[in-house]
Amino acid sequence: MSEWVEVFLNGPGVIVITNAMENSAVVDEATAIFDAVIEEQRTTNAGGGDHFAKPGANDRIWNAAEKHCIASPDNFARYFGNVAIGLVSRAWLGDSYQVTAQVNRVNPDGAAQMAHRDYHLGFMTAERLQQFPTHVHRLSPVLTLQGAIAHCDMPVESGPTLFLPYSQAYLEGYVTCAREEFQDWFQKHHVQLPLNKGDAVFFNPALMHAAGPNVSKDIYRMANLLQVSSAFGRAIESVDRTRMSQLLYPVLLDAQEQNSMSAAEISSAIAACAEGYPFPTNLDNDPPVGGLAPKSQAALMHELLEKRVSAEDFNAALDEQASRKRP
């Protein structure tokens, strides 16, 4: 974990974990779920769009984590019960991180994205960026970890992500990366690595990067883009973690009873679903009794799983906790 941090902070800024998702059947089932969501979006003209690509260049699923959990809590548990996701997230962000996800499918002849940095400061104009002091530009990259899970084999012609190694170290990069000379430099010096289904890429969000052009004729390049947020920052998406937790709990309770998931896998699945940080809350109704902070949603989920509480009682406890946190 400390080696990964050194890579993200002072090294090339990006790692690849080969065969991170060892069970290809879990990946294939998730792919089928995402394909169904995309087709529904096309039918209803919902979703889509991209921060850094032309409209129509790809298919995008916003808030894919919640949609994934709703569609199949069992697959979500096995997918995000992946220990590698938990290890790299804790390495960069520490405990109580928040997982959000956006699926991106770049279809044949899909154009490349513009090279960019990512959320938080990466989603602002140069004029807006200059309203934040220098130390915030240094701070922003440690509030988020970017990742991507390959849902198909990605040869170079399919356009796996382009990276500019070490570019995260350039402090002024948020302000300057959109300038023509920096875009030209990126085009001349970026690197690109083919990926296999189940491989995972994680990188510093300040690293200049872009989805590559899909010049293939028959590869629908799908990746689940993970944006993992520090407990001390604001995640990019609003996620109904109470609903997700209530859907996931009976799956994890059964997995615990059947010994079909390890304790580490269950912990990783909870971290990807439940709110791991107890704040913000309504301290009048939810005071820090017996400690420095109230109990988090994830802590409650761990506690009741250990006690093997029924799903019905868990739902009631989670609703009661949520009501205490509301104004």
C-alpha atoms as a PDB file:
ATOM      1  CA  MET A   1       0.000   0.000   0.000  1.00  0.00           C
ATOM      2  CA  SER A   2       2.821   2.427   0.782  1.00  0.00           C
ATOM      3  CA  GLU A   3       4.441   1.585  -2.569  1.00  0.00           C
ATOM      4  CA  TRP A   4       1.200   2.452  -4.348  1.00  0.00           C
ATOM      5  CA  VAL A   5       1.048   5.784  -2.517  1.00  0.00           C
ATOM      6  CA  GLU A   6       4.606   6.575  -3.594  1.00  0.00           C
ATOM      7  CA  VAL A   7       3.662   5.810  -7.208  1.00  0.00           C
ATOM      8  CA  PHE A   8       0.554   8.022  -7.029  1.00  0.00           C
ATOM      9  CA  LEU A   9       2.341  10.869  -5.247  1.00  0.00           C
ATOM     10  CA  ASN A  10       5.868  11.028  -6.662  1.00  0.00           C
ATOM     11  CA  GLY A  11       6.073   8.295  -9.278  1.00  0.00           C
ATOM     12  CA  PRO A  12       4.341   7.927 -12.648  1.00  0.00           C
ATOM     13  CA  GLY A  13       0.954   8.403 -10.954  1.00  0.00           C
ATOM     14  CA  VAL A  14      -0.770   5.240 -12.192  1.00  0.00           C
ATOM     15  CA  ILE A  15      -0.821   1.507 -11.419  1.00  0.00           C
ATOM     16  CA  VAL A  16      -2.375  -1.473 -13.149  1.00  0.00           C
ATOM     17  CA  ILE A  17      -3.515  -4.482 -11.118  1.00  0.00           C
ATOM     18  CA  THR A  18      -3.662  -7.355 -13.558  1.00  0.00           C
ATOM     19  CA  ASN A  19      -6.520  -9.807 -13.057  1.00  0.00           C
ATOM     20  CA  ALA A  20      -7.844  -7.714 -10.169  1.00  0.00           C
ATOM     21  CA  MET A  21     -11.303  -9.199 -10.797  1.00  0.00           C
ATOM     22  CA  GLU A  22     -10.379 -12.860 -10.839  1.00  0.00           C
ATOM     23  CA  ASN A  23     -13.919 -14.175 -11.319  1.00  0.00           C
ATOM     24  CA  SER A  24     -14.758 -13.336 -14.929  1.00  0.00           C
ATOM     25  CA  ALA A  25     -18.335 -14.565 -14.448  1.00  0.00           C
ATOM     26  CA  VAL A  26     -18.923 -11.749 -11.935  1.00  0.00           C
ATOM     27  CA  VAL A  27     -17.596  -9.218 -14.459  1.00  0.00           C
ATOM     28  CA  ASP A  28     -19.709 -10.691 -17.270  1.00  0.00           C
ATOM     29  CA  GLU A  29     -22.862 -10.568 -15.154  1.00  0.00           C
ATOM     30  CA  ALA A  30     -22.156  -6.920 -14.286  1.00  0.00           C
ATOM     31  CA  THR A  31     -21.566  -6.180 -17.972  1.00  0.00           C
ATOM     32  CA  ALA A  32     -24.979  -7.625 -18.832  1.00  0.00           C
ATOM     33  CA  ILE A  33     -26.552  -5.414 -16.144  1.00  0.00           C
ATOM     34  CA  PHE A  34     -24.825  -2.322 -17.528  1.00  0.00           C
ATOM     35  CA  ASP A  35     -25.760  -3.201 -21.124  1.00  0.00           C
ATOM     36  CA  ALA A  36     -29.408  -3.429 -20.065  1.00  0.00           C
ATOM     37  CA  VAL A  37     -29.227  -0.020 -18.362  1.00  0.00           C
ATOM     38  CA  ILE A  38     -27.665   1.503 -21.488  1.00  0.00           C
ATOM     39  CA  GLU A  39     -30.386   0.086 -23.714  1.00  0.00           C
ATOM     40  CA  GLU A  40     -33.066   1.407 -21.367  1.00  0.00           C
ATOM     41  CA  GLN A  41     -31.424   4.839 -21.396  1.00  0.00           C
ATOM     42  CA  ARG A  42     -31.369   4.841 -25.176  1.00  0.00           C
ATOM     43  CA  THR A  43     -35.047   3.962 -25.270  1.00  0.00           C
ATOM     44  CA  THR A  44     -35.994   6.718 -22.829  1.00  0.00           C
ATOM     45  CA  ASN A  45     -33.331   9.271 -23.893  1.00  0.00           C
ATOM     46  CA  ALA A  46     -32.018   9.315 -20.331  1.00  0.00           C
ATOM     47  CA  GLY A  47     -28.414   9.402 -19.095  1.00  0.00           C
ATOM     48  CA  GLY A  48     -25.511   9.673 -21.513  1.00  0.00           C
ATOM     49  CA  GLY A  49     -23.191  12.621 -21.957  1.00  0.00           C
ATOM     50  CA  ASP A  50     -19.564  12.980 -21.010  1.00  0.00           C
ATOM     51  CA  HIS A  51     -17.432  15.591 -19.291  1.00  0.00           C
ATOM     52  CA  PHE A  52     -14.631  15.547 -21.859  1.00  0.00           C
ATOM     53  CA  ALA A  53     -15.969  13.938 -25.043  1.00  0.00           C
ATOM     54  CA  LYS A  54     -18.402  14.962 -27.765  1.00  0.00           C
ATOM     55  CA  PRO A  55     -22.059  14.013 -27.177  1.00  0.00           C
ATOM     56  CA  GLY A  56     -22.831  10.648 -28.744  1.00  0.00           C
ATOM     57  CA  ALA A  57     -19.220   9.476 -28.730  1.00  0.00           C
ATOM     58  CA  ASN A  58     -19.983   6.910 -26.072  1.00  0.00           C
ATOM     59  CA  ASP A  59     -22.597   5.521 -23.705  1.00  0.00           C
ATOM     60  CA  ARG A  60     -22.442   6.644 -20.090  1.00  0.00           C
ATOM     61  CA  ILE A  61     -24.221   5.393 -16.960  1.00  0.00           C
ATOM     62  CA  TRP A  62     -24.242   7.929 -14.159  1.00  0.00           C
ATOM     63  CA  ASN A  63     -24.520   6.656 -10.576  1.00  0.00           C
ATOM     64  CA  ALA A  64     -23.732   3.169 -11.794  1.00  0.00           C
ATOM     65  CA  ALA A  65     -22.986   1.957  -8.257  1.00  0.00           C
ATOM     66  CA  GLU A  66     -26.531   2.496  -7.001  1.00  0.00           C
ATOM     67  CA  LYS A  67     -28.098   1.204 -10.224  1.00  0.00           C
ATOM     68  CA  HIS A  68     -25.857  -1.871 -10.026  1.00  0.00           C
ATOM     69  CA  CYS A  69     -26.874  -2.562  -6.415  1.00  0.00           C
ATOM     70  CA  ILE A  70     -30.584  -2.151  -7.186  1.00  0.00           C
ATOM     71  CA  ALA A  71     -30.407  -4.420 -10.240  1.00  0.00           C
ATOM     72  CA  SER A  72     -28.487  -7.199  -8.483  1.00  0.00           C
ATOM     73  CA  PRO A  73     -27.391  -6.867  -4.851  1.00  0.00           C
ATOM     74  CA  ASP A  74     -25.780 -10.308  -5.111  1.00  0.00           C
ATOM     75  CA  ASN A  75     -23.586  -9.346  -8.060  1.00  0.00           C
ATOM     76  CA  PHE A  76     -22.795  -5.993  -6.448  1.00  0.00           C
ATOM     77  CA  ALA A  77     -21.606  -7.816  -3.311  1.00  0.00           C
ATOM     78  CA  ARG A  78     -19.315 -10.141  -5.251  1.00  0.00           C
ATOM     79  CA  TYR A  79     -18.087  -7.347  -7.544  1.00  0.00           C
ATOM     80  CA  PHE A  80     -17.274  -4.770  -4.866  1.00  0.00           C
ATOM     81  CA  GLY A  81     -16.261  -7.431  -2.362  1.00  0.00           C
ATOM     82  CA  ASN A  82     -12.994  -7.268  -4.276  1.00  0.00           C
ATOM     83  CA  VAL A  83     -10.157  -6.871  -1.786  1.00  0.00           C
ATOM     84  CA  ALA A  84      -7.896  -5.071  -4.278  1.00  0.00           C
ATOM     85  CA  ILE A  85     -10.408  -2.203  -4.578  1.00  0.00           C
ATOM     86  CA  GLY A  86     -10.488  -1.888  -0.806  1.00  0.00           C
ATOM     87  CA  LEU A  87      -6.694  -2.012  -0.442  1.00  0.00           C
ATOM     88  CA  VAL A  88      -5.911   0.663  -3.003  1.00  0.00           C
ATOM     89  CA  SER A  89      -8.727   2.903  -1.781  1.00  0.00           C
ATOM     90  CA  ARG A  90      -7.501   2.746   1.814  1.00  0.00           C
ATOM     91  CA  ALA A  91      -3.910   3.206   0.697  1.00  0.00           C
ATOM     92  CA  TRP A  92      -4.638   6.582  -0.902  1.00  0.00           C
ATOM     93  CA  LEU A  93      -7.647   7.827   1.092  1.00  0.00           C
ATOM     94  CA  GLY A  94      -7.616   6.037   4.431  1.00  0.00           C
ATOM     95  CA  ASP A  95     -10.694   4.663   6.114  1.00  0.00           C
ATOM     96  CA  SER A  96     -14.347   5.603   5.532  1.00  0.00           C
ATOM     97  CA  TYR A  97     -13.924   6.330   1.815  1.00  0.00           C
ATOM     98  CA  GLN A  98     -16.973   6.591  -0.472  1.00  0.00           C
ATOM     99  CA  VAL A  99     -17.286   4.696  -3.760  1.00  0.00           C
ATOM    100  CA  THR A 100     -19.124   6.175  -6.720  1.00  0.00           C
ATOM    101  CA  ALA A 101     -19.027   4.738 -10.225  1.00  0.00           C
ATOM    102  CA  GLN A 102     -19.854   5.762 -13.777  1.00  0.00           C
ATOM    103  CA  VAL A 103     -19.827   3.198 -16.570  1.00  0.00           C
ATOM    104  CA  ASN A 104     -18.349   4.355 -19.875  1.00  0.00           C
ATOM    105  CA  ARG A 105     -18.781   2.386 -23.093  1.00  0.00           C
ATOM    106  CA  VAL A 106     -16.816   3.744 -26.046  1.00  0.00           C
ATOM    107  CA  ASN A 107     -18.268   2.233 -29.195  1.00  0.00           C
ATOM    108  CA  PRO A 108     -16.423   1.502 -32.469  1.00  0.00           C
ATOM    109  CA  ASP A 109     -15.239   4.741 -34.113  1.00  0.00           C
ATOM    110  CA  GLY A 110     -15.754   6.564 -30.795  1.00  0.00           C
ATOM    111  CA  ALA A 111     -13.539   9.649 -30.575  1.00  0.00           C
ATOM    112  CA  ALA A 112     -10.952  10.264 -27.870  1.00  0.00           C
ATOM    113  CA  GLN A 113     -11.554  12.534 -24.920  1.00  0.00           C
ATOM    114  CA  MET A 114      -9.682  15.769 -24.419  1.00  0.00           C
ATOM    115  CA  ALA A 115      -6.775  15.247 -22.024  1.00  0.00           C
ATOM    116  CA  HIS A 116      -7.780  16.428 -18.564  1.00  0.00           C
ATOM    117  CA  ARG A 117      -7.453  16.150 -14.832  1.00  0.00           C
ATOM    118  CA  ASP A 118     -10.361  14.950 -12.730  1.00  0.00           C
ATOM    119  CA  TYR A 119     -12.633  15.978  -9.877  1.00  0.00           C
ATOM    120  CA  HIS A 120     -12.538  18.193  -7.799  1.00  0.00           C
ATOM    121  CA  LEU A 121     -10.503  21.016  -9.364  1.00  0.00           C
ATOM    122  CA  GLY A 122     -10.373  19.226 -12.702  1.00  0.00           C
ATOM    123  CA  PHE A 123     -14.048  20.061 -13.262  1.00  0.00           C
ATOM    124  CA  MET A 124     -13.629  23.833 -13.142  1.00  0.00           C
ATOM    125  CA  THR A 125     -12.781  26.552 -15.643  1.00  0.00           C
ATOM    126  CA  ALA A 126      -9.380  28.230 -15.462  1.00  0.00           C
ATOM    127  CA  GLU A 127     -11.044  31.395 -14.199  1.00  0.00           C
ATOM    128  CA  ARG A 128     -12.843  29.526 -11.429  1.00  0.00           C
ATOM    129  CA  LEU A 129      -9.679  27.620 -10.477  1.00  0.00           C
ATOM    130  CA  GLN A 130      -7.855  30.835  -9.728  1.00  0.00           C
ATOM    131  CA  GLN A 131     -10.312  31.536  -6.897  1.00  0.00           C
ATOM    132  CA  PHE A 132      -8.719  28.677  -4.929  1.00  0.00           C
ATOM    133  CA  PRO A 133      -5.356  29.221  -3.196  1.00  0.00           C
ATOM    134  CA  THR A 134      -2.227  27.270  -4.071  1.00  0.00           C
ATOM    135  CA  HIS A 135      -2.422  24.937  -1.082  1.00  0.00           C
ATOM    136  CA  VAL A 136      -5.891  23.774  -2.223  1.00  0.00           C
ATOM    137  CA  HIS A 137      -4.398  22.837  -5.610  1.00  0.00           C
ATOM    138  CA  ARG A 138      -1.954  20.661  -3.672  1.00  0.00           C
ATOM    139  CA  LEU A 139      -4.729  19.216  -1.511  1.00  0.00           C
ATOM    140  CA  SER A 140      -7.318  18.338  -4.154  1.00  0.00           C
ATOM    141  CA  PRO A 141      -5.604  15.203  -5.565  1.00  0.00           C
ATOM    142  CA  VAL A 142      -5.548  13.451  -2.177  1.00  0.00           C
ATOM    143  CA  LEU A 143      -9.313  13.776  -1.820  1.00  0.00           C
ATOM    144  CA  THR A 144     -10.112  11.408  -4.696  1.00  0.00           C
ATOM    145  CA  LEU A 145      -8.796   8.222  -6.283  1.00  0.00           C
ATOM    146  CA  GLN A 146      -9.640   7.429  -9.892  1.00  0.00           C
ATOM    147  CA  GLY A 147     -10.003   3.857 -11.071  1.00  0.00           C
ATOM    148  CA  ALA A 148     -11.357   1.769 -13.913  1.00  0.00           C
ATOM    149  CA  ILE A 149     -12.303  -1.904 -14.150  1.00  0.00           C
ATOM    150  CA  ALA A 150     -11.959  -3.362 -17.657  1.00  0.00           C
ATOM    151  CA  HIS A 151     -15.135  -5.191 -18.684  1.00  0.00           C
ATOM    152  CA  CYS A 152     -13.659  -6.547 -21.912  1.00  0.00           C
ATOM    153  CA  ASP A 153     -10.248  -7.108 -23.430  1.00  0.00           C
ATOM    154  CA  MET A 154      -8.894  -3.717 -24.516  1.00  0.00           C
ATOM    155  CA  PRO A 155      -6.226  -3.871 -27.213  1.00  0.00           C
ATOM    156  CA  VAL A 156      -4.664  -0.527 -28.117  1.00  0.00           C
ATOM    157  CA  GLU A 157      -6.921  -0.108 -31.155  1.00  0.00           C
ATOM    158  CA  SER A 158      -9.958  -0.091 -28.856  1.00  0.00           C
ATOM    159  CA  GLY A 159      -8.610   3.029 -27.105  1.00  0.00           C
ATOM    160  CA  PRO A 160      -7.700   2.197 -23.486  1.00  0.00           C
ATOM    161  CA  THR A 161      -6.897   5.257 -21.399  1.00  0.00           C
ATOM    162  CA  LEU A 162      -3.989   7.484 -22.383  1.00  0.00           C
ATOM    163  CA  PHE A 163      -1.795   8.764 -19.525  1.00  0.00           C
ATOM    164  CA  LEU A 164       0.963  11.352 -19.185  1.00  0.00           C
ATOM    165  CA  PRO A 165       3.202   9.892 -16.452  1.00  0.00           C
ATOM    166  CA  TYR A 166       4.408  12.241 -13.700  1.00  0.00           C
ATOM    167  CA  SER A 167       2.099  15.056 -14.859  1.00  0.00           C
ATOM    168  CA  GLN A 168       0.335  14.976 -11.469  1.00  0.00           C
ATOM    169  CA  ALA A 169       3.466  16.596  -9.999  1.00  0.00           C
ATOM    170  CA  TYR A 170       2.968  19.820 -11.973  1.00  0.00           C
ATOM    171  CA  LEU A 171       1.290  22.100  -9.436  1.00  0.00           C
ATOM    172  CA  GLU A 172      -0.073  24.530 -12.033  1.00  0.00           C
ATOM    173  CA  GLY A 173      -1.579  21.693 -14.046  1.00  0.00           C
ATOM    174  CA  TYR A 174      -5.220  22.318 -13.156  1.00  0.00           C
ATOM    175  CA  VAL A 175      -5.010  25.816 -14.601  1.00  0.00           C
ATOM    176  CA  THR A 176      -2.863  25.006 -17.612  1.00  0.00           C
ATOM    177  CA  CYS A 177      -3.757  21.509 -18.856  1.00  0.00           C
ATOM    178  CA  ALA A 178      -6.513  22.743 -21.197  1.00  0.00           C
ATOM    179  CA  ARG A 179      -4.116  25.085 -23.016  1.00  0.00           C
ATOM    180  CA  GLU A 180      -3.162  24.141 -26.547  1.00  0.00           C
ATOM    181  CA  GLU A 181       0.541  23.706 -25.827  1.00  0.00           C
ATOM    182  CA  PHE A 182      -0.183  21.285 -22.984  1.00  0.00           C
ATOM    183  CA  GLN A 183      -2.667  19.332 -25.089  1.00  0.00           C
ATOM    184  CA  ASP A 184      -0.013  19.092 -27.825  1.00  0.00           C
ATOM    185  CA  TRP A 185       2.562  17.878 -25.307  1.00  0.00           C
ATOM    186  CA  PHE A 186       0.123  15.237 -24.103  1.00  0.00           C
ATOM    187  CA  GLN A 187      -0.446  13.970 -27.642  1.00  0.00           C
ATOM    188  CA  LYS A 188       3.311  13.618 -28.209  1.00  0.00           C
ATOM    189  CA  HIS A 189       4.254  12.010 -24.898  1.00  0.00           C
ATOM    190  CA  HIS A 190       1.311  10.014 -23.533  1.00  0.00           C
ATOM    191  CA  VAL A 191       1.557   6.291 -22.864  1.00  0.00           C
ATOM    192  CA  GLN A 192      -1.056   3.600 -23.383  1.00  0.00           C
ATOM    193  CA  LEU A 193      -1.310   0.020 -22.178  1.00  0.00           C
ATOM    194  CA  PRO A 194      -3.604  -2.731 -23.464  1.00  0.00           C
ATOM    195  CA  LEU A 195      -5.771  -4.291 -20.770  1.00  0.00           C
ATOM    196  CA  ASN A 196      -7.513  -7.607 -20.328  1.00  0.00           C
ATOM    197  CA  LYS A 197     -10.992  -8.143 -18.939  1.00  0.00           C
ATOM    198  CA  GLY A 198     -10.788  -7.952 -15.158  1.00  0.00           C
ATOM    199  CA  ASP A 199      -7.697  -5.738 -15.032  1.00  0.00           C
ATOM    200  CA  ALA A 200      -7.947  -2.589 -12.928  1.00  0.00           C
ATOM    201  CA  VAL A 201      -6.250   0.777 -13.353  1.00  0.00           C
ATOM    202  CA  PHE A 202      -5.953   3.279 -10.505  1.00  0.00           C
ATOM    203  CA  PHE A 203      -4.393   6.720 -10.715  1.00  0.00           C
ATOM    204  CA  ASN A 204      -3.923  10.097  -9.108  1.00  0.00           C
ATOM    205  CA  PRO A 205      -6.803  12.330 -10.318  1.00  0.00           C
ATOM    206  CA  ALA A 206      -4.301  15.097 -11.134  1.00  0.00           C
ATOM    207  CA  LEU A 207      -2.602  12.870 -13.717  1.00  0.00           C
ATOM    208  CA  MET A 208      -3.379  14.120 -17.224  1.00  0.00           C
ATOM    209  CA  HIS A 209      -5.323  11.385 -18.988  1.00  0.00           C
ATOM    210  CA  ALA A 210      -7.969  10.761 -21.638  1.00  0.00           C
ATOM    211  CA  ALA A 211      -9.994   7.899 -23.026  1.00  0.00           C
ATOM    212  CA  GLY A 212      -8.373   6.938 -26.315  1.00  0.00           C
ATOM    213  CA  PRO A 213     -10.067   6.699 -29.714  1.00  0.00           C
ATOM    214  CA  ASN A 214     -11.745   3.385 -30.487  1.00  0.00           C
ATOM    215  CA  VAL A 215     -10.581   2.731 -34.056  1.00  0.00           C
ATOM    216  CA  SER A 216     -11.722  -0.896 -33.953  1.00  0.00           C
ATOM    217  CA  LYS A 217     -14.730  -2.074 -35.931  1.00  0.00           C
ATOM    218  CA  ASP A 218     -16.272  -4.446 -33.407  1.00  0.00           C
ATOM    219  CA  ILE A 219     -15.029  -3.739 -29.864  1.00  0.00           C
ATOM    220  CA  TYR A 220     -17.499  -2.024 -27.529  1.00  0.00           C
ATOM    221  CA  ARG A 221     -14.955  -0.930 -24.957  1.00  0.00           C
ATOM    222  CA  MET A 222     -16.632  -0.861 -21.548  1.00  0.00           C
ATOM    223  CA  ALA A 223     -15.028   0.230 -18.285  1.00  0.00           C
ATOM    224  CA  ASN A 224     -16.558   0.816 -14.882  1.00  0.00           C
ATOM    225  CA  LEU A 225     -15.012   4.118 -13.827  1.00  0.00           C
ATOM    226  CA  LEU A 226     -14.583   4.252 -10.065  1.00  0.00           C
ATOM    227  CA  GLN A 227     -14.298   7.604  -8.347  1.00  0.00           C
ATOM    228  CA  VAL A 228     -13.448   6.923  -4.739  1.00  0.00           C
ATOM    229  CA  SER A 229     -13.731   9.910  -2.400  1.00  0.00           C
ATOM    230  CA  SER A 230     -12.078  10.723   0.894  1.00  0.00           C
ATOM    231  CA  ALA A 231     -14.337  10.890   3.940  1.00  0.00           C
ATOM    232  CA  PHE A 232     -13.192  14.511   4.194  1.00  0.00           C
ATOM    233  CA  GLY A 233     -14.310  15.570   0.709  1.00  0.00           C
ATOM    234  CA  ARG A 234     -17.569  15.771  -1.200  1.00  0.00           C
ATOM    235  CA  ALA A 235     -18.308  12.894  -3.548  1.00  0.00           C
ATOM    236  CA  ILE A 236     -19.403  13.851  -7.057  1.00  0.00           C
ATOM    237  CA  GLU A 237     -22.737  12.005  -6.977  1.00  0.00           C
ATOM    238  CA  SER A 238     -25.708  11.814  -4.658  1.00  0.00           C
ATOM    239  CA  VAL A 239     -26.163   8.158  -3.747  1.00  0.00           C
ATOM    240  CA  ASP A 240     -28.973   6.644  -1.675  1.00  0.00           C
ATOM    241  CA  ARG A 241     -26.720   4.601   0.584  1.00  0.00           C
ATOM    242  CA  THR A 242     -29.532   3.711   2.970  1.00  0.00           C
ATOM    243  CA  ARG A 243     -31.469   2.024   0.173  1.00  0.00           C
ATOM    244  CA  MET A 244     -28.322   0.296  -1.105  1.00  0.00           C
ATOM    245  CA  SER A 245     -27.408  -0.950   2.376  1.00  0.00           C
ATOM    246  CA  GLN A 246     -30.874  -2.388   2.943  1.00  0.00           C
ATOM    247  CA  LEU A 247     -30.649  -4.240  -0.367  1.00  0.00           C
ATOM    248  CA  LEU A 248     -27.130  -5.495   0.289  1.00  0.00           C
ATOM    249  CA  TYR A 249     -27.511  -6.576   3.921  1.00  0.00           C
ATOM    250  CA  PRO A 250     -29.450  -9.844   3.375  1.00  0.00           C
ATOM    251  CA  VAL A 251     -26.951 -10.859   0.682  1.00  0.00           C
ATOM    252  CA  LEU A 252     -24.020 -10.313   3.046  1.00  0.00           C
ATOM    253  CA  LEU A 253     -25.885 -12.005   5.912  1.00  0.00           C
ATOM    254  CA  ASP A 254     -26.379 -15.093   3.746  1.00  0.00           C
ATOM    255  CA  ALA A 255     -22.760 -14.973   2.520  1.00  0.00           C
ATOM    256  CA  GLN A 256     -21.625 -14.845   6.135  1.00  0.00           C
ATOM    257  CA  GLU A 257     -23.803 -17.813   7.068  1.00  0.00           C
ATOM    258  CA  GLN A 258     -22.655 -19.834   4.062  1.00  0.00           C
ATOM    259  CA  ASN A 259     -18.979 -18.769   4.336  1.00  0.00           C
ATOM    260  CA  SER A 260     -19.120 -17.819   0.653  1.00  0.00           C
ATOM    261  CA  MET A 261     -17.371 -14.485   1.236  1.00  0.00           C
ATOM    262  CA  SER A 262     -14.416 -13.806   3.508  1.00  0.00           C
ATOM    263  CA  ALA A 263     -14.514 -11.162   6.231  1.00  0.00           C
ATOM    264  CA  ALA A 264     -12.250  -8.961   4.084  1.00  0.00           C
ATOM    265  CA  GLU A 265     -14.586  -9.323   1.088  1.00  0.00           C
ATOM    266  CA  ILE A 266     -17.643  -8.474   3.176  1.00  0.00           C
ATOM    267  CA  SER A 267     -15.827  -5.447   4.574  1.00  0.00           C
ATOM    268  CA  SER A 268     -14.909  -4.263   1.058  1.00  0.00           C
ATOM    269  CA  ALA A 269     -18.520  -4.667  -0.107  1.00  0.00           C
ATOM    270  CA  ILE A 270     -19.819  -2.660   2.866  1.00  0.00           C
ATOM    271  CA  ALA A 271     -17.247   0.087   2.218  1.00  0.00           C
ATOM    272  CA  ALA A 272     -18.449   0.381  -1.386  1.00  0.00           C
ATOM    273  CA  CYS A 273     -22.066   0.679  -0.287  1.00  0.00           C
ATOM    274  CA  ALA A 274     -22.654   2.169   3.157  1.00  0.00           C
ATOM    275  CA  GLU A 275     -21.730   5.628   4.415  1.00  0.00           C
ATOM    276  CA  GLY A 276     -18.502   5.122   6.339  1.00  0.00           C
ATOM    277  CA  TYR A 277     -18.263   8.562   7.944  1.00  0.00           C
ATOM    278  CA  PRO A 278     -20.671   9.682  10.687  1.00  0.00           C
ATOM    279  CA  PHE A 279     -20.785  13.345   9.677  1.00  0.00           C
ATOM    280  CA  PRO A 280     -22.612  15.521   8.786  1.00  0.00           C
ATOM    281  CA  THR A 281     -25.349  14.711  11.249  1.00  0.00           C
ATOM    282  CA  ASN A 282     -27.858  16.403  13.530  1.00  0.00           C
ATOM    283  CA  LEU A 283     -25.951  16.417  16.808  1.00  0.00           C
ATOM    284  CA  ASP A 284     -29.088  17.284  18.796  1.00  0.00           C
ATOM    285  CA  ASN A 285     -30.633  13.967  17.782  1.00  0.00           C
ATOM    286  CA  ASP A 286     -27.458  11.991  17.071  1.00  0.00           C
ATOM    287  CA  PRO A 287     -24.936  12.964  19.769  1.00  0.00           C
ATOM    288  CA  PRO A 288     -21.547  11.235  20.152  1.00  0.00           C
ATOM    289  CA  VAL A 289     -22.583   9.011  23.042  1.00  0.00           C
ATOM    290  CA  GLY A 290     -19.711   6.967  24.455  1.00  0.00           C
ATOM    291  CA  GLY A 291     -17.151   8.309  21.996  1.00  0.00           C
ATOM    292  CA  LEU A 292     -15.959  11.217  19.906  1.00  0.00           C
ATOM    293  CA  ALA A 293     -18.443  10.653  17.081  1.00  0.00           C
ATOM    294  CA  PRO A 294     -21.810   8.977  16.461  1.00  0.00           C
ATOM    295  CA  LYS A 295     -21.924   5.576  14.798  1.00  0.00           C
ATOM    296  CA  SER A 296     -21.603   5.554  11.002  1.00  0.00           C
ATOM    297  CA  GLN A 297     -23.918   3.630   8.705  1.00  0.00           C
ATOM    298  CA  ALA A 298     -21.112   1.199   7.846  1.00  0.00           C
ATOM    299  CA  ALA A 299     -20.276   0.654  11.528  1.00  0.00           C
ATOM    300  CA  LEU A 300     -23.927  -0.152  12.233  1.00  0.00           C
ATOM    301  CA  MET A 301     -23.976  -2.589   9.320  1.00  0.00           C
ATOM    302  CA  HIS A 302     -20.843  -4.368  10.591  1.00  0.00           C
ATOM    303  CA  GLU A 303     -22.240  -4.536  14.129  1.00  0.00           C
ATOM    304  CA  LEU A 304     -25.605  -5.992  13.142  1.00  0.00           C
ATOM    305  CA  LEU A 305     -24.026  -8.474  10.728  1.00  0.00           C
ATOM    306  CA  GLU A 306     -21.807  -9.704  13.539  1.00  0.00           C
ATOM    307  CA  LYS A 307     -24.892 -10.141  15.714  1.00  0.00           C
ATOM    308  CA  ARG A 308     -26.672 -11.867  12.800  1.00  0.00           C
ATOM    309  CA  VAL A 309     -29.655  -9.553  13.123  1.00  0.00           C
ATOM    310  CA  SER A 310     -32.481 -10.216  10.652  1.00  0.00           C
ATOM    311  CA  ALA A 311     -32.840  -8.091   7.526  1.00  0.00           C
ATOM    312  CA  GLU A 312     -36.140  -6.717   8.827  1.00  0.00           C
ATOM    313  CA  ASP A 313     -34.554  -5.537  12.084  1.00  0.00           C
ATOM    314  CA  PHE A 314     -31.558  -4.147  10.217  1.00  0.00           C
ATOM    315  CA  ASN A 315     -33.831  -2.099   7.957  1.00  0.00           C
ATOM    316  CA  ALA A 316     -35.617  -0.668  10.995  1.00  0.00           C
ATOM    317  CA  ALA A 317     -32.307   0.184  12.696  1.00  0.00           C
ATOM    318  CA  LEU A 318     -30.962   1.858   9.564  1.00  0.00           C
ATOM    319  CA  ASP A 319     -34.131   3.901   9.072  1.00  0.00           C
ATOM    320  CA  GLU A 320     -34.027   4.973  12.710  1.00  0.00           C
ATOM    321  CA  GLN A 321     -30.375   6.021  12.360  1.00  0.00           C
ATOM    322  CA  ALA A 322     -31.150   7.957   9.189  1.00  0.00           C
ATOM    323  CA  SER A 323     -34.023   9.789  10.890  1.00  0.00           C
ATOM    324  CA  ARG A 324     -31.698  10.938  13.694  1.00  0.00           C
ATOM    325  CA  LYS A 325     -29.299  12.459  11.183  1.00  0.00           C
ATOM    326  CA  ARG A 326     -31.931  14.565   9.419  1.00  0.00           C
ATOM    327  CA  PRO A 327     -32.391  18.227  10.425  1.00  0.00           C
END
